Protein backbone atom coordinates (compact mmCIF):
# COMPACT_ATOMS: atom_id res chain seq x y z
CA MET A 1 0.31 -0.02 0.40
CA ILE A 2 1.12 3.02 -1.04
CA ILE A 3 0.64 6.24 1.84
CA ILE A 4 0.25 9.64 -0.09
CA LYS A 5 0.05 12.40 1.56
CA VAL A 6 -1.26 16.15 0.01
CA LEU A 7 -0.17 19.04 2.42
CA GLY A 8 -1.36 22.26 1.72
CA SER A 9 -4.02 25.10 3.74
CA GLY A 10 -6.53 23.41 0.97
CA CYS A 11 -5.98 26.66 -1.29
CA ALA A 12 -7.22 25.86 -4.97
CA ASN A 13 -3.81 24.67 -5.77
CA CYS A 14 -3.58 22.19 -3.17
CA LYS A 15 -7.10 20.83 -4.46
CA LYS A 16 -5.84 19.75 -7.68
CA VAL A 17 -3.16 18.27 -6.33
CA GLU A 18 -5.22 15.77 -4.66
CA ALA A 19 -7.75 15.51 -7.46
CA ILE A 20 -5.58 14.78 -9.46
CA VAL A 21 -3.55 11.98 -6.87
CA HIS A 22 -7.09 10.27 -6.71
CA GLU A 23 -7.10 10.48 -10.26
CA VAL A 24 -3.95 7.92 -11.30
CA VAL A 25 -4.87 6.27 -7.88
CA ALA A 26 -8.17 5.00 -9.61
CA GLU A 27 -5.93 4.73 -13.19
CA LEU A 28 -3.13 2.57 -11.67
CA ALA A 29 -5.67 0.84 -9.66
CA VAL A 30 -3.25 0.62 -6.92
CA GLU A 31 -3.82 0.10 -3.02
CA ALA A 32 -2.75 3.82 -1.29
CA ARG A 33 -4.43 6.06 1.16
CA ILE A 34 -4.33 9.63 0.86
CA GLU A 35 -4.04 11.77 3.63
CA LYS A 36 -4.41 15.79 3.28
CA VAL A 37 -2.88 17.28 5.94
CA THR A 38 -3.51 21.20 6.52
CA ASP A 39 -1.87 21.24 10.49
CA PRO A 40 0.95 23.81 9.90
CA ILE A 41 2.93 21.58 13.00
CA ALA A 42 2.36 18.37 11.22
CA MET A 43 3.53 19.82 7.46
CA HIS A 44 6.69 21.13 9.29
CA ALA A 45 8.10 17.45 9.21
CA TYR A 46 8.65 17.96 5.69
CA PRO A 47 11.44 20.43 4.86
CA ILE A 48 10.39 22.64 2.25
CA MET A 49 8.02 25.59 2.99
CA ALA A 50 5.74 26.27 0.00
CA THR A 51 2.53 24.29 -0.65
CA PRO A 52 1.37 22.03 -1.98
CA ARG A 53 3.55 19.40 -0.93
CA LEU A 54 3.33 15.76 -2.04
CA VAL A 55 4.78 13.12 0.23
CA VAL A 56 4.66 9.64 -1.29
CA ASN A 57 5.65 6.40 1.36
CA GLU A 58 7.14 9.31 3.45
CA LYS A 59 9.32 11.03 0.39
CA LEU A 60 8.98 14.38 -0.15
CA VAL A 61 8.21 14.12 -4.10
CA CYS A 62 6.81 17.63 -5.17
CA ALA A 63 6.77 20.91 -3.30
CA GLY A 64 5.40 24.45 -4.66
CA ARG A 65 3.59 23.11 -7.81
CA ILE A 66 1.23 21.22 -9.43
CA PRO A 67 2.31 17.96 -10.94
CA ASN A 68 1.10 16.43 -14.22
CA LYS A 69 -0.37 13.43 -14.27
CA ALA A 70 2.51 11.40 -15.30
CA GLU A 71 4.88 12.50 -12.90
CA VAL A 72 2.28 11.50 -10.31
CA ALA A 73 2.45 7.91 -11.64
CA GLY A 74 5.84 7.82 -11.92
CA TRP A 75 6.30 8.19 -8.12
CA PHE A 76 3.63 6.39 -7.45
CA LYS A 77 5.21 3.38 -9.75
CA GLN A 78 8.54 4.35 -8.29
CA ALA A 79 6.89 3.54 -4.91
CA ILE A 80 5.56 0.32 -5.81
CA ALA A 81 8.33 -0.98 -6.66
């Protein structure tokens, strides 16, 4: 199972990243737990301050931008391998 965390305040960009994550999980049919993290203290566990942030299996893979679906799929496939 992949553990995916979308970190951010809930802005439009954070919601877009979360939507992309859900789409890719469904398309790849992978078993995943998706968490939305809005608590600033919890977000400080990851070194980069820019949001949105995407964490896959406790590894920060993207911060401060909206990744495309191909990038997200690549990170998920790498996490499964």
